[in-house]
Full PDB file with SEQRES, HELIX, SHEET, SSBOND, CRYST1, ORIGX, SCALE, CONECT and MASTER records, all heavy atoms in Angstrom:
SEQRES   1 A   43  ARG LYS THR ASN GLY VAL THR ASN THR THR VAL GLY TYR          
SEQRES   2 A   43  SER GLY GLY TRP MET LYS ASN PRO THR TYR GLU ASP VAL          
SEQRES   3 A   43  CYS THR ASP THR THR GLY HIS ALA GLU VAL VAL GLN VAL          
SEQRES   4 A   43  GLU TYR ASP PRO                                              
HELIX    1 AA1 TYR A   23  VAL A   26  1                                   4    
SHEET    1 AA1 2 VAL A   6  SER A  14  0                                        
SHEET    2 AA1 2 ALA A  34  TYR A  41 -1                                        
CRYST1    1.000    1.000    1.000  90.00  90.00  90.00 P 1           1          
ORIGX1      1.000000  0.000000  0.000000        0.00000                         
ORIGX2      0.000000  1.000000  0.000000        0.00000                         
ORIGX3      0.000000  0.000000  1.000000        0.00000                         
SCALE1      1.000000  0.000000  0.000000        0.00000                         
SCALE2      0.000000  1.000000  0.000000        0.00000                         
SCALE3      0.000000  0.000000  1.000000        0.00000                         
ATOM      1  N   ARG A   1     -16.730  -0.223  26.864  1.00  0.00           N  
ATOM      2  CA  ARG A   1     -18.022  -0.861  27.075  1.00  0.00           C  
ATOM      3  C   ARG A   1     -18.694  -0.247  28.320  1.00  0.00           C  
ATOM      4  O   ARG A   1     -19.926  -0.148  28.349  1.00  0.00           O  
ATOM      5  CB  ARG A   1     -17.880  -2.383  27.273  1.00  0.00           C  
ATOM      6  CG  ARG A   1     -19.211  -3.150  27.352  1.00  0.00           C  
ATOM      7  CD  ARG A   1     -18.984  -4.670  27.349  1.00  0.00           C  
ATOM      8  NE  ARG A   1     -17.981  -5.101  28.282  1.00  0.00           N  
ATOM      9  CZ  ARG A   1     -18.176  -5.272  29.615  1.00  0.00           C  
ATOM     10  NH1 ARG A   1     -19.329  -4.960  30.127  1.00  0.00           N  
ATOM     11  NH2 ARG A   1     -17.221  -5.652  30.342  1.00  0.00           N  
ATOM     12  N   LYS A   2     -17.906   0.174  29.304  1.00  0.00           N  
ATOM     13  CA  LYS A   2     -18.447   0.691  30.529  1.00  0.00           C  
ATOM     14  C   LYS A   2     -18.648   2.240  30.499  1.00  0.00           C  
ATOM     15  O   LYS A   2     -19.004   2.826  31.463  1.00  0.00           O  
ATOM     16  CB  LYS A   2     -17.510   0.327  31.706  1.00  0.00           C  
ATOM     17  CG  LYS A   2     -17.501  -1.153  31.996  1.00  0.00           C  
ATOM     18  CD  LYS A   2     -16.502  -1.451  33.093  1.00  0.00           C  
ATOM     19  CE  LYS A   2     -16.456  -2.972  33.388  1.00  0.00           C  
ATOM     20  NZ  LYS A   2     -15.438  -3.328  34.367  1.00  0.00           N  
ATOM     21  N   THR A   3     -18.443   2.820  29.327  1.00  0.00           N  
ATOM     22  CA  THR A   3     -18.556   4.277  29.128  1.00  0.00           C  
ATOM     23  C   THR A   3     -19.966   4.671  28.743  1.00  0.00           C  
ATOM     24  O   THR A   3     -20.491   4.108  27.777  1.00  0.00           O  
ATOM     25  CB  THR A   3     -17.561   4.749  28.088  1.00  0.00           C  
ATOM     26  OG1 THR A   3     -16.204   4.393  28.533  1.00  0.00           O  
ATOM     27  CG2 THR A   3     -17.634   6.234  27.948  1.00  0.00           C  
ATOM     28  N   ASN A   4     -20.576   5.564  29.384  1.00  0.00           N  
ATOM     29  CA  ASN A   4     -21.877   6.042  29.156  1.00  0.00           C  
ATOM     30  C   ASN A   4     -21.924   6.661  27.764  1.00  0.00           C  
ATOM     31  O   ASN A   4     -21.069   7.496  27.412  1.00  0.00           O  
ATOM     32  CB  ASN A   4     -22.366   7.124  30.160  1.00  0.00           C  
ATOM     33  CG  ASN A   4     -23.821   7.493  29.953  1.00  0.00           C  
ATOM     34  OD1 ASN A   4     -24.669   6.736  29.682  1.00  0.00           O  
ATOM     35  ND2 ASN A   4     -24.024   8.786  30.160  1.00  0.00           N  
ATOM     36  N   GLY A   5     -22.832   6.262  26.909  1.00  0.00           N  
ATOM     37  CA  GLY A   5     -22.965   6.726  25.517  1.00  0.00           C  
ATOM     38  C   GLY A   5     -22.450   5.742  24.515  1.00  0.00           C  
ATOM     39  O   GLY A   5     -22.713   5.886  23.325  1.00  0.00           O  
ATOM     40  N   VAL A   6     -21.695   4.753  24.979  1.00  0.00           N  
ATOM     41  CA  VAL A   6     -21.246   3.660  24.092  1.00  0.00           C  
ATOM     42  C   VAL A   6     -22.389   2.644  24.001  1.00  0.00           C  
ATOM     43  O   VAL A   6     -22.906   2.189  25.049  1.00  0.00           O  
ATOM     44  CB  VAL A   6     -19.932   2.974  24.605  1.00  0.00           C  
ATOM     45  CG1 VAL A   6     -19.624   1.745  23.806  1.00  0.00           C  
ATOM     46  CG2 VAL A   6     -18.792   3.980  24.535  1.00  0.00           C  
ATOM     47  N   THR A   7     -22.780   2.325  22.753  1.00  0.00           N  
ATOM     48  CA  THR A   7     -23.924   1.381  22.572  1.00  0.00           C  
ATOM     49  C   THR A   7     -23.474   0.013  22.197  1.00  0.00           C  
ATOM     50  O   THR A   7     -24.256  -0.915  22.362  1.00  0.00           O  
ATOM     51  CB  THR A   7     -24.889   1.996  21.488  1.00  0.00           C  
ATOM     52  OG1 THR A   7     -24.122   2.132  20.240  1.00  0.00           O  
ATOM     53  CG2 THR A   7     -25.473   3.292  21.898  1.00  0.00           C  
ATOM     54  N   ASN A   8     -22.248  -0.152  21.708  1.00  0.00           N  
ATOM     55  CA  ASN A   8     -21.722  -1.490  21.345  1.00  0.00           C  
ATOM     56  C   ASN A   8     -20.226  -1.413  21.199  1.00  0.00           C  
ATOM     57  O   ASN A   8     -19.683  -0.372  20.739  1.00  0.00           O  
ATOM     58  CB  ASN A   8     -22.407  -1.984  20.055  1.00  0.00           C  
ATOM     59  CG  ASN A   8     -22.084  -3.448  19.800  1.00  0.00           C  
ATOM     60  OD1 ASN A   8     -22.268  -4.308  20.646  1.00  0.00           O  
ATOM     61  ND2 ASN A   8     -21.574  -3.759  18.619  1.00  0.00           N  
ATOM     62  N   THR A   9     -19.571  -2.535  21.521  1.00  0.00           N  
ATOM     63  CA  THR A   9     -18.157  -2.685  21.264  1.00  0.00           C  
ATOM     64  C   THR A   9     -17.880  -4.011  20.603  1.00  0.00           C  
ATOM     65  O   THR A   9     -18.581  -5.010  20.914  1.00  0.00           O  
ATOM     66  CB  THR A   9     -17.363  -2.608  22.598  1.00  0.00           C  
ATOM     67  OG1 THR A   9     -17.797  -3.618  23.466  1.00  0.00           O  
ATOM     68  CG2 THR A   9     -17.441  -1.280  23.212  1.00  0.00           C  
ATOM     69  N   THR A  10     -16.924  -4.059  19.735  1.00  0.00           N  
ATOM     70  CA  THR A  10     -16.551  -5.220  19.024  1.00  0.00           C  
ATOM     71  C   THR A  10     -15.021  -5.235  18.917  1.00  0.00           C  
ATOM     72  O   THR A  10     -14.440  -4.230  18.439  1.00  0.00           O  
ATOM     73  CB  THR A  10     -17.149  -5.394  17.669  1.00  0.00           C  
ATOM     74  OG1 THR A  10     -18.562  -5.197  17.731  1.00  0.00           O  
ATOM     75  CG2 THR A  10     -16.799  -6.684  16.963  1.00  0.00           C  
ATOM     76  N   VAL A  11     -14.370  -6.275  19.336  1.00  0.00           N  
ATOM     77  CA  VAL A  11     -12.923  -6.344  19.195  1.00  0.00           C  
ATOM     78  C   VAL A  11     -12.541  -7.095  17.907  1.00  0.00           C  
ATOM     79  O   VAL A  11     -13.299  -7.914  17.421  1.00  0.00           O  
ATOM     80  CB  VAL A  11     -12.203  -6.959  20.418  1.00  0.00           C  
ATOM     81  CG1 VAL A  11     -12.423  -6.160  21.650  1.00  0.00           C  
ATOM     82  CG2 VAL A  11     -12.627  -8.432  20.635  1.00  0.00           C  
ATOM     83  N   GLY A  12     -11.385  -6.609  17.340  1.00  0.00           N  
ATOM     84  CA  GLY A  12     -10.979  -7.215  16.105  1.00  0.00           C  
ATOM     85  C   GLY A  12      -9.587  -6.743  15.720  1.00  0.00           C  
ATOM     86  O   GLY A  12      -8.815  -6.277  16.586  1.00  0.00           O  
ATOM     87  N   TYR A  13      -9.353  -6.834  14.413  1.00  0.00           N  
ATOM     88  CA  TYR A  13      -8.054  -6.559  13.883  1.00  0.00           C  
ATOM     89  C   TYR A  13      -8.204  -5.568  12.709  1.00  0.00           C  
ATOM     90  O   TYR A  13      -9.119  -5.676  11.906  1.00  0.00           O  
ATOM     91  CB  TYR A  13      -7.381  -7.803  13.369  1.00  0.00           C  
ATOM     92  CG  TYR A  13      -7.577  -8.967  14.285  1.00  0.00           C  
ATOM     93  CD1 TYR A  13      -8.427 -10.025  13.990  1.00  0.00           C  
ATOM     94  CD2 TYR A  13      -6.922  -8.989  15.579  1.00  0.00           C  
ATOM     95  CE1 TYR A  13      -8.593 -11.082  14.897  1.00  0.00           C  
ATOM     96  CE2 TYR A  13      -7.109 -10.033  16.481  1.00  0.00           C  
ATOM     97  CZ  TYR A  13      -7.939 -11.060  16.082  1.00  0.00           C  
ATOM     98  OH  TYR A  13      -8.161 -12.103  16.996  1.00  0.00           O  
ATOM     99  N   SER A  14      -7.264  -4.586  12.636  1.00  0.00           N  
ATOM    100  CA  SER A  14      -7.382  -3.606  11.521  1.00  0.00           C  
ATOM    101  C   SER A  14      -5.996  -3.013  11.252  1.00  0.00           C  
ATOM    102  O   SER A  14      -5.100  -3.073  12.120  1.00  0.00           O  
ATOM    103  CB  SER A  14      -8.353  -2.512  11.924  1.00  0.00           C  
ATOM    104  OG  SER A  14      -8.699  -1.743  10.828  1.00  0.00           O  
ATOM    105  N   GLY A  15      -5.833  -2.483  10.090  1.00  0.00           N  
ATOM    106  CA  GLY A  15      -4.600  -1.756   9.779  1.00  0.00           C  
ATOM    107  C   GLY A  15      -3.519  -2.588   9.109  1.00  0.00           C  
ATOM    108  O   GLY A  15      -2.424  -2.095   8.878  1.00  0.00           O  
ATOM    109  N   GLY A  16      -3.819  -3.824   8.806  1.00  0.00           N  
ATOM    110  CA  GLY A  16      -2.775  -4.673   8.212  1.00  0.00           C  
ATOM    111  C   GLY A  16      -3.153  -5.090   6.746  1.00  0.00           C  
ATOM    112  O   GLY A  16      -4.071  -4.532   6.146  1.00  0.00           O  
ATOM    113  N   TRP A  17      -2.417  -6.011   6.260  1.00  0.00           N  
ATOM    114  CA  TRP A  17      -2.571  -6.448   4.856  1.00  0.00           C  
ATOM    115  C   TRP A  17      -3.180  -7.829   4.679  1.00  0.00           C  
ATOM    116  O   TRP A  17      -3.699  -8.177   3.649  1.00  0.00           O  
ATOM    117  CB  TRP A  17      -1.237  -6.390   4.110  1.00  0.00           C  
ATOM    118  CG  TRP A  17      -0.090  -7.004   4.937  1.00  0.00           C  
ATOM    119  CD1 TRP A  17       0.259  -8.318   4.974  1.00  0.00           C  
ATOM    120  CD2 TRP A  17       0.787  -6.305   5.780  1.00  0.00           C  
ATOM    121  NE1 TRP A  17       1.285  -8.492   5.876  1.00  0.00           N  
ATOM    122  CE2 TRP A  17       1.625  -7.250   6.386  1.00  0.00           C  
ATOM    123  CE3 TRP A  17       0.930  -4.964   6.152  1.00  0.00           C  
ATOM    124  CZ2 TRP A  17       2.663  -6.894   7.267  1.00  0.00           C  
ATOM    125  CZ3 TRP A  17       1.913  -4.639   7.059  1.00  0.00           C  
ATOM    126  CH2 TRP A  17       2.799  -5.620   7.579  1.00  0.00           C  
ATOM    127  N   MET A  18      -3.185  -8.605   5.734  1.00  0.00           N  
ATOM    128  CA  MET A  18      -3.781  -9.962   5.650  1.00  0.00           C  
ATOM    129  C   MET A  18      -5.296  -9.899   5.753  1.00  0.00           C  
ATOM    130  O   MET A  18      -5.819  -9.252   6.678  1.00  0.00           O  
ATOM    131  CB  MET A  18      -3.199 -10.873   6.797  1.00  0.00           C  
ATOM    132  CG  MET A  18      -3.801 -12.260   6.758  1.00  0.00           C  
ATOM    133  SD  MET A  18      -3.194 -13.308   8.083  1.00  0.00           S  
ATOM    134  CE  MET A  18      -1.951 -14.183   7.201  1.00  0.00           C  
ATOM    135  N   LYS A  19      -6.004 -10.586   4.889  1.00  0.00           N  
ATOM    136  CA  LYS A  19      -7.411 -10.696   4.886  1.00  0.00           C  
ATOM    137  C   LYS A  19      -7.810 -11.788   5.861  1.00  0.00           C  
ATOM    138  O   LYS A  19      -7.213 -12.834   5.941  1.00  0.00           O  
ATOM    139  CB  LYS A  19      -8.022 -11.021   3.519  1.00  0.00           C  
ATOM    140  CG  LYS A  19      -7.745  -9.954   2.506  1.00  0.00           C  
ATOM    141  CD  LYS A  19      -8.521  -8.734   2.787  1.00  0.00           C  
ATOM    142  CE  LYS A  19      -8.344  -7.648   1.688  1.00  0.00           C  
ATOM    143  NZ  LYS A  19      -8.783  -6.335   2.105  1.00  0.00           N  
ATOM    144  N   ASN A  20      -8.869 -11.494   6.646  1.00  0.00           N  
ATOM    145  CA  ASN A  20      -9.417 -12.410   7.583  1.00  0.00           C  
ATOM    146  C   ASN A  20      -8.412 -13.107   8.570  1.00  0.00           C  
ATOM    147  O   ASN A  20      -8.354 -14.332   8.683  1.00  0.00           O  
ATOM    148  CB  ASN A  20     -10.249 -13.511   6.870  1.00  0.00           C  
ATOM    149  CG  ASN A  20     -11.353 -12.911   6.073  1.00  0.00           C  
ATOM    150  OD1 ASN A  20     -12.133 -12.186   6.586  1.00  0.00           O  
ATOM    151  ND2 ASN A  20     -11.393 -13.267   4.786  1.00  0.00           N  
ATOM    152  N   PRO A  21      -7.599 -12.280   9.211  1.00  0.00           N  
ATOM    153  CA  PRO A  21      -6.592 -12.892  10.075  1.00  0.00           C  
ATOM    154  C   PRO A  21      -7.236 -13.528  11.333  1.00  0.00           C  
ATOM    155  O   PRO A  21      -8.300 -13.095  11.762  1.00  0.00           O  
ATOM    156  CB  PRO A  21      -5.668 -11.695  10.520  1.00  0.00           C  
ATOM    157  CG  PRO A  21      -6.698 -10.551  10.490  1.00  0.00           C  
ATOM    158  CD  PRO A  21      -7.603 -10.847   9.287  1.00  0.00           C  
ATOM    159  N   THR A  22      -6.536 -14.465  11.893  1.00  0.00           N  
ATOM    160  CA  THR A  22      -6.944 -15.064  13.143  1.00  0.00           C  
ATOM    161  C   THR A  22      -6.103 -14.424  14.235  1.00  0.00           C  
ATOM    162  O   THR A  22      -5.082 -13.753  13.944  1.00  0.00           O  
ATOM    163  CB  THR A  22      -6.713 -16.554  13.212  1.00  0.00           C  
ATOM    164  OG1 THR A  22      -5.292 -16.824  13.112  1.00  0.00           O  
ATOM    165  CG2 THR A  22      -7.454 -17.250  12.082  1.00  0.00           C  
ATOM    166  N   TYR A  23      -6.472 -14.679  15.493  1.00  0.00           N  
ATOM    167  CA  TYR A  23      -5.693 -14.172  16.595  1.00  0.00           C  
ATOM    168  C   TYR A  23      -4.221 -14.723  16.505  1.00  0.00           C  
ATOM    169  O   TYR A  23      -3.281 -14.001  16.735  1.00  0.00           O  
ATOM    170  CB  TYR A  23      -6.287 -14.588  17.949  1.00  0.00           C  
ATOM    171  CG  TYR A  23      -5.575 -14.117  19.154  1.00  0.00           C  
ATOM    172  CD1 TYR A  23      -5.599 -12.756  19.543  1.00  0.00           C  
ATOM    173  CD2 TYR A  23      -4.918 -15.037  19.995  1.00  0.00           C  
ATOM    174  CE1 TYR A  23      -4.922 -12.378  20.656  1.00  0.00           C  
ATOM    175  CE2 TYR A  23      -4.296 -14.616  21.120  1.00  0.00           C  
ATOM    176  CZ  TYR A  23      -4.282 -13.299  21.430  1.00  0.00           C  
ATOM    177  OH  TYR A  23      -3.602 -12.866  22.595  1.00  0.00           O  
ATOM    178  N   GLU A  24      -4.121 -15.983  16.174  1.00  0.00           N  
ATOM    179  CA  GLU A  24      -2.800 -16.571  16.105  1.00  0.00           C  
ATOM    180  C   GLU A  24      -1.962 -15.936  14.973  1.00  0.00           C  
ATOM    181  O   GLU A  24      -0.748 -15.686  15.119  1.00  0.00           O  
ATOM    182  CB  GLU A  24      -2.935 -18.112  15.784  1.00  0.00           C  
ATOM    183  CG  GLU A  24      -3.396 -18.919  16.941  1.00  0.00           C  
ATOM    184  CD  GLU A  24      -4.886 -18.745  17.278  1.00  0.00           C  
ATOM    185  OE1 GLU A  24      -5.697 -18.370  16.334  1.00  0.00           O  
ATOM    186  OE2 GLU A  24      -5.271 -18.983  18.399  1.00  0.00           O  
ATOM    187  N   ASP A  25      -2.592 -15.554  13.860  1.00  0.00           N  
ATOM    188  CA  ASP A  25      -1.930 -14.837  12.751  1.00  0.00           C  
ATOM    189  C   ASP A  25      -1.389 -13.452  13.299  1.00  0.00           C  
ATOM    190  O   ASP A  25      -0.270 -13.110  13.049  1.00  0.00           O  
ATOM    191  CB  ASP A  25      -2.875 -14.556  11.587  1.00  0.00           C  
ATOM    192  CG  ASP A  25      -3.281 -15.768  10.822  1.00  0.00           C  
ATOM    193  OD1 ASP A  25      -2.579 -16.814  10.808  1.00  0.00           O  
ATOM    194  OD2 ASP A  25      -4.467 -15.739  10.317  1.00  0.00           O  
ATOM    195  N   VAL A  26      -2.302 -12.732  13.923  1.00  0.00           N  
ATOM    196  CA  VAL A  26      -1.923 -11.380  14.425  1.00  0.00           C  
ATOM    197  C   VAL A  26      -0.812 -11.448  15.434  1.00  0.00           C  
ATOM    198  O   VAL A  26       0.072 -10.604  15.423  1.00  0.00           O  
ATOM    199  CB  VAL A  26      -3.171 -10.657  14.939  1.00  0.00           C  
ATOM    200  CG1 VAL A  26      -2.830  -9.344  15.541  1.00  0.00           C  
ATOM    201  CG2 VAL A  26      -4.213 -10.433  13.810  1.00  0.00           C  
ATOM    202  N   CYS A  27      -0.807 -12.481  16.264  1.00  0.00           N  
ATOM    203  CA  CYS A  27       0.229 -12.625  17.275  1.00  0.00           C  
ATOM    204  C   CYS A  27       1.587 -12.870  16.752  1.00  0.00           C  
ATOM    205  O   CYS A  27       2.568 -12.701  17.385  1.00  0.00           O  
ATOM    206  CB  CYS A  27      -0.149 -13.779  18.266  1.00  0.00           C  
ATOM    207  SG  CYS A  27      -1.479 -13.260  19.428  1.00  0.00           S  
ATOM    208  N   THR A  28       1.678 -13.258  15.430  1.00  0.00           N  
ATOM    209  CA  THR A  28       2.977 -13.486  14.834  1.00  0.00           C  
ATOM    210  C   THR A  28       3.687 -12.177  14.585  1.00  0.00           C  
ATOM    211  O   THR A  28       4.894 -12.166  14.213  1.00  0.00           O  
ATOM    212  CB  THR A  28       2.870 -14.216  13.513  1.00  0.00           C  
ATOM    213  OG1 THR A  28       2.194 -13.447  12.564  1.00  0.00           O  
ATOM    214  CG2 THR A  28       2.216 -15.603  13.693  1.00  0.00           C  
ATOM    215  N   ASP A  29       2.948 -11.100  14.641  1.00  0.00           N  
ATOM    216  CA  ASP A  29       3.554  -9.714  14.363  1.00  0.00           C  
ATOM    217  C   ASP A  29       3.990  -9.596  12.927  1.00  0.00           C  
ATOM    218  O   ASP A  29       4.853  -8.790  12.634  1.00  0.00           O  
ATOM    219  CB  ASP A  29       4.694  -9.444  15.367  1.00  0.00           C  
ATOM    220  CG  ASP A  29       5.024  -7.976  15.540  1.00  0.00           C  
ATOM    221  OD1 ASP A  29       4.148  -7.124  15.306  1.00  0.00           O  
ATOM    222  OD2 ASP A  29       6.134  -7.690  15.960  1.00  0.00           O  
ATOM    223  N   THR A  30       3.324 -10.309  12.069  1.00  0.00           N  
ATOM    224  CA  THR A  30       3.658 -10.202  10.663  1.00  0.00           C  
ATOM    225  C   THR A  30       2.520  -9.826   9.752  1.00  0.00           C  
ATOM    226  O   THR A  30       2.699  -9.736   8.511  1.00  0.00           O  
ATOM    227  CB  THR A  30       4.206 -11.610  10.155  1.00  0.00           C  
ATOM    228  OG1 THR A  30       3.179 -12.576  10.318  1.00  0.00           O  
ATOM    229  CG2 THR A  30       5.505 -12.026  10.918  1.00  0.00           C  
ATOM    230  N   THR A  31       1.314  -9.625  10.262  1.00  0.00           N  
ATOM    231  CA  THR A  31       0.126  -9.284   9.508  1.00  0.00           C  
ATOM    232  C   THR A  31      -0.062  -7.809   9.298  1.00  0.00           C  
ATOM    233  O   THR A  31      -0.868  -7.365   8.456  1.00  0.00           O  
ATOM    234  CB  THR A  31      -1.140  -9.835  10.121  1.00  0.00           C  
ATOM    235  OG1 THR A  31      -1.403  -9.143  11.330  1.00  0.00           O  
ATOM    236  CG2 THR A  31      -1.061 -11.357  10.423  1.00  0.00           C  
ATOM    237  N   GLY A  32       0.592  -7.033  10.113  1.00  0.00           N  
ATOM    238  CA  GLY A  32       0.400  -5.571  10.108  1.00  0.00           C  
ATOM    239  C   GLY A  32      -0.741  -5.049  10.851  1.00  0.00           C  
ATOM    240  O   GLY A  32      -0.916  -3.851  11.007  1.00  0.00           O  
ATOM    241  N   HIS A  33      -1.589  -5.928  11.327  1.00  0.00           N  
ATOM    242  CA  HIS A  33      -2.806  -5.542  12.033  1.00  0.00           C  
ATOM    243  C   HIS A  33      -2.530  -5.129  13.467  1.00  0.00           C  
ATOM    244  O   HIS A  33      -1.584  -5.590  14.095  1.00  0.00           O  
ATOM    245  CB  HIS A  33      -3.837  -6.725  12.037  1.00  0.00           C  
ATOM    246  CG  HIS A  33      -4.497  -6.948  10.753  1.00  0.00           C  
ATOM    247  ND1 HIS A  33      -5.356  -6.062  10.166  1.00  0.00           N  
ATOM    248  CD2 HIS A  33      -4.335  -8.013   9.867  1.00  0.00           C  
ATOM    249  CE1 HIS A  33      -5.718  -6.563   8.988  1.00  0.00           C  
ATOM    250  NE2 HIS A  33      -5.148  -7.731   8.786  1.00  0.00           N  
ATOM    251  N   ALA A  34      -3.386  -4.236  13.958  1.00  0.00           N  
ATOM    252  CA  ALA A  34      -3.405  -3.918  15.351  1.00  0.00           C  
ATOM    253  C   ALA A  34      -4.657  -4.582  15.999  1.00  0.00           C  
ATOM    254  O   ALA A  34      -5.667  -4.777  15.312  1.00  0.00           O  
ATOM    255  CB  ALA A  34      -3.553  -2.374  15.561  1.00  0.00           C  
ATOM    256  N   GLU A  35      -4.468  -4.931  17.277  1.00  0.00           N  
ATOM    257  CA  GLU A  35      -5.696  -5.376  18.025  1.00  0.00           C  
ATOM    258  C   GLU A  35      -6.480  -4.018  18.272  1.00  0.00           C  
ATOM    259  O   GLU A  35      -5.913  -3.077  18.803  1.00  0.00           O  
ATOM    260  CB  GLU A  35      -5.286  -5.995  19.316  1.00  0.00           C  
ATOM    261  CG  GLU A  35      -4.738  -7.321  19.175  1.00  0.00           C  
ATOM    262  CD  GLU A  35      -4.548  -8.085  20.489  1.00  0.00           C  
ATOM    263  OE1 GLU A  35      -5.139  -7.687  21.522  1.00  0.00           O  
ATOM    264  OE2 GLU A  35      -3.832  -9.089  20.527  1.00  0.00           O  
ATOM    265  N   VAL A  36      -7.763  -4.020  17.891  1.00  0.00           N  
ATOM    266  CA  VAL A  36      -8.543  -2.783  18.039  1.00  0.00           C  
ATOM    267  C   VAL A  36      -9.892  -3.138  18.629  1.00  0.00           C  
ATOM    268  O   VAL A  36     -10.365  -4.270  18.688  1.00  0.00           O  
ATOM    269  CB  VAL A  36      -8.761  -2.125  16.660  1.00  0.00           C  
ATOM    270  CG1 VAL A  36      -7.460  -1.676  16.042  1.00  0.00           C  
ATOM    271  CG2 VAL A  36      -9.518  -3.023  15.671  1.00  0.00           C  
ATOM    272  N   VAL A  37     -10.540  -2.022  19.067  1.00  0.00           N  
ATOM    273  CA  VAL A  37     -11.946  -2.076  19.453  1.00  0.00           C  
ATOM    274  C   VAL A  37     -12.694  -1.147  18.590  1.00  0.00           C  
ATOM    275  O   VAL A  37     -12.292   0.049  18.390  1.00  0.00           O  
ATOM    276  CB  VAL A  37     -12.136  -1.815  20.998  1.00  0.00           C  
ATOM    277  CG1 VAL A  37     -11.659  -0.394  21.393  1.00  0.00           C  
ATOM    278  CG2 VAL A  37     -13.611  -1.972  21.376  1.00  0.00           C  
ATOM    279  N   GLN A  38     -13.768  -1.630  18.001  1.00  0.00           N  
ATOM    280  CA  GLN A  38     -14.655  -0.823  17.252  1.00  0.00           C  
ATOM    281  C   GLN A  38     -15.801  -0.412  18.155  1.00  0.00           C  
ATOM    282  O   GLN A  38     -16.456  -1.294  18.725  1.00  0.00           O  
ATOM    283  CB  GLN A  38     -15.093  -1.505  15.991  1.00  0.00           C  
ATOM    284  CG  GLN A  38     -15.706  -0.613  14.935  1.00  0.00           C  
ATOM    285  CD  GLN A  38     -15.800  -1.220  13.584  1.00  0.00           C  
ATOM    286  OE1 GLN A  38     -16.666  -2.003  13.335  1.00  0.00           O  
ATOM    287  NE2 GLN A  38     -14.829  -0.914  12.759  1.00  0.00           N  
ATOM    288  N   VAL A  39     -15.998   0.859  18.306  1.00  0.00           N  
ATOM    289  CA  VAL A  39     -16.948   1.409  19.283  1.00  0.00           C  
ATOM    290  C   VAL A  39     -18.116   2.030  18.503  1.00  0.00           C  
ATOM    291  O   VAL A  39     -17.906   2.846  17.620  1.00  0.00           O  
ATOM    292  CB  VAL A  39     -16.249   2.446  20.175  1.00  0.00           C  
ATOM    293  CG1 VAL A  39     -17.266   3.092  21.119  1.00  0.00           C  
ATOM    294  CG2 VAL A  39     -15.113   1.875  20.890  1.00  0.00           C  
ATOM    295  N   GLU A  40     -19.321   1.656  18.819  1.00  0.00           N  
ATOM    296  CA  GLU A  40     -20.487   2.356  18.370  1.00  0.00           C  
ATOM    297  C   GLU A  40     -20.997   3.211  19.591  1.00  0.00           C  
ATOM    298  O   GLU A  40     -21.014   2.783  20.696  1.00  0.00           O  
ATOM    299  CB  GLU A  40     -21.559   1.352  17.942  1.00  0.00           C  
ATOM    300  CG  GLU A  40     -21.100   0.526  16.735  1.00  0.00           C  
ATOM    301  CD  GLU A  40     -22.102  -0.579  16.371  1.00  0.00           C  
ATOM    302  OE1 GLU A  40     -23.337  -0.348  16.501  1.00  0.00           O  
ATOM    303  OE2 GLU A  40     -21.672  -1.693  16.041  1.00  0.00           O  
ATOM    304  N   TYR A  41     -21.316   4.461  19.211  1.00  0.00           N  
ATOM    305  CA  TYR A  41     -21.665   5.399  20.249  1.00  0.00           C  
ATOM    306  C   TYR A  41     -22.714   6.394  19.806  1.00  0.00           C  
ATOM    307  O   TYR A  41     -22.903   6.614  18.620  1.00  0.00           O  
ATOM    308  CB  TYR A  41     -20.404   6.146  20.764  1.00  0.00           C  
ATOM    309  CG  TYR A  41     -19.761   7.037  19.768  1.00  0.00           C  
ATOM    310  CD1 TYR A  41     -19.967   8.422  19.765  1.00  0.00           C  
ATOM    311  CD2 TYR A  41     -18.940   6.495  18.746  1.00  0.00           C  
ATOM    312  CE1 TYR A  41     -19.405   9.260  18.831  1.00  0.00           C  
ATOM    313  CE2 TYR A  41     -18.376   7.382  17.805  1.00  0.00           C  
ATOM    314  CZ  TYR A  41     -18.596   8.744  17.818  1.00  0.00           C  
ATOM    315  OH  TYR A  41     -18.057   9.551  16.902  1.00  0.00           O  
ATOM    316  N   ASP A  42     -23.338   6.950  20.797  1.00  0.00           N  
ATOM    317  CA  ASP A  42     -24.361   7.982  20.531  1.00  0.00           C  
ATOM    318  C   ASP A  42     -23.744   9.353  20.734  1.00  0.00           C  
ATOM    319  O   ASP A  42     -23.443   9.711  21.857  1.00  0.00           O  
ATOM    320  CB  ASP A  42     -25.551   7.817  21.502  1.00  0.00           C  
ATOM    321  CG  ASP A  42     -26.689   8.797  21.276  1.00  0.00           C  
ATOM    322  OD1 ASP A  42     -26.465   9.811  20.554  1.00  0.00           O  
ATOM    323  OD2 ASP A  42     -27.770   8.576  21.880  1.00  0.00           O  
ATOM    324  N   PRO A  43     -23.476  10.060  19.668  1.00  0.00           N  
ATOM    325  CA  PRO A  43     -22.763  11.386  19.763  1.00  0.00           C  
ATOM    326  C   PRO A  43     -23.602  12.484  20.579  1.00  0.00           C  
ATOM    327  O   PRO A  43     -22.997  13.410  21.013  1.00  0.00           O  
ATOM    328  CB  PRO A  43     -22.592  11.772  18.329  1.00  0.00           C  
ATOM    329  CG  PRO A  43     -23.575  11.092  17.506  1.00  0.00           C  
ATOM    330  CD  PRO A  43     -23.841   9.799  18.235  1.00  0.00           C  
TER     331      PRO A  43                                                      
MASTER        0    0    0    1    2    0    0    6  330    1    0    4          
END                                                                             
C-alpha cells in the first residue's frame, strides 16, 4: 500500500478449495488457502 505506483490493495484468501472461507476457516490450516494481498498497480 505504501509503494509508489500501487493504486489499491485488498487482502483475502486464495489458492485453496473452500468457497467463501472466513478468517477462522483459513486459520484451521485445512482450507488450502493462503493469506494474500491483491495489488492493483499502474505498470
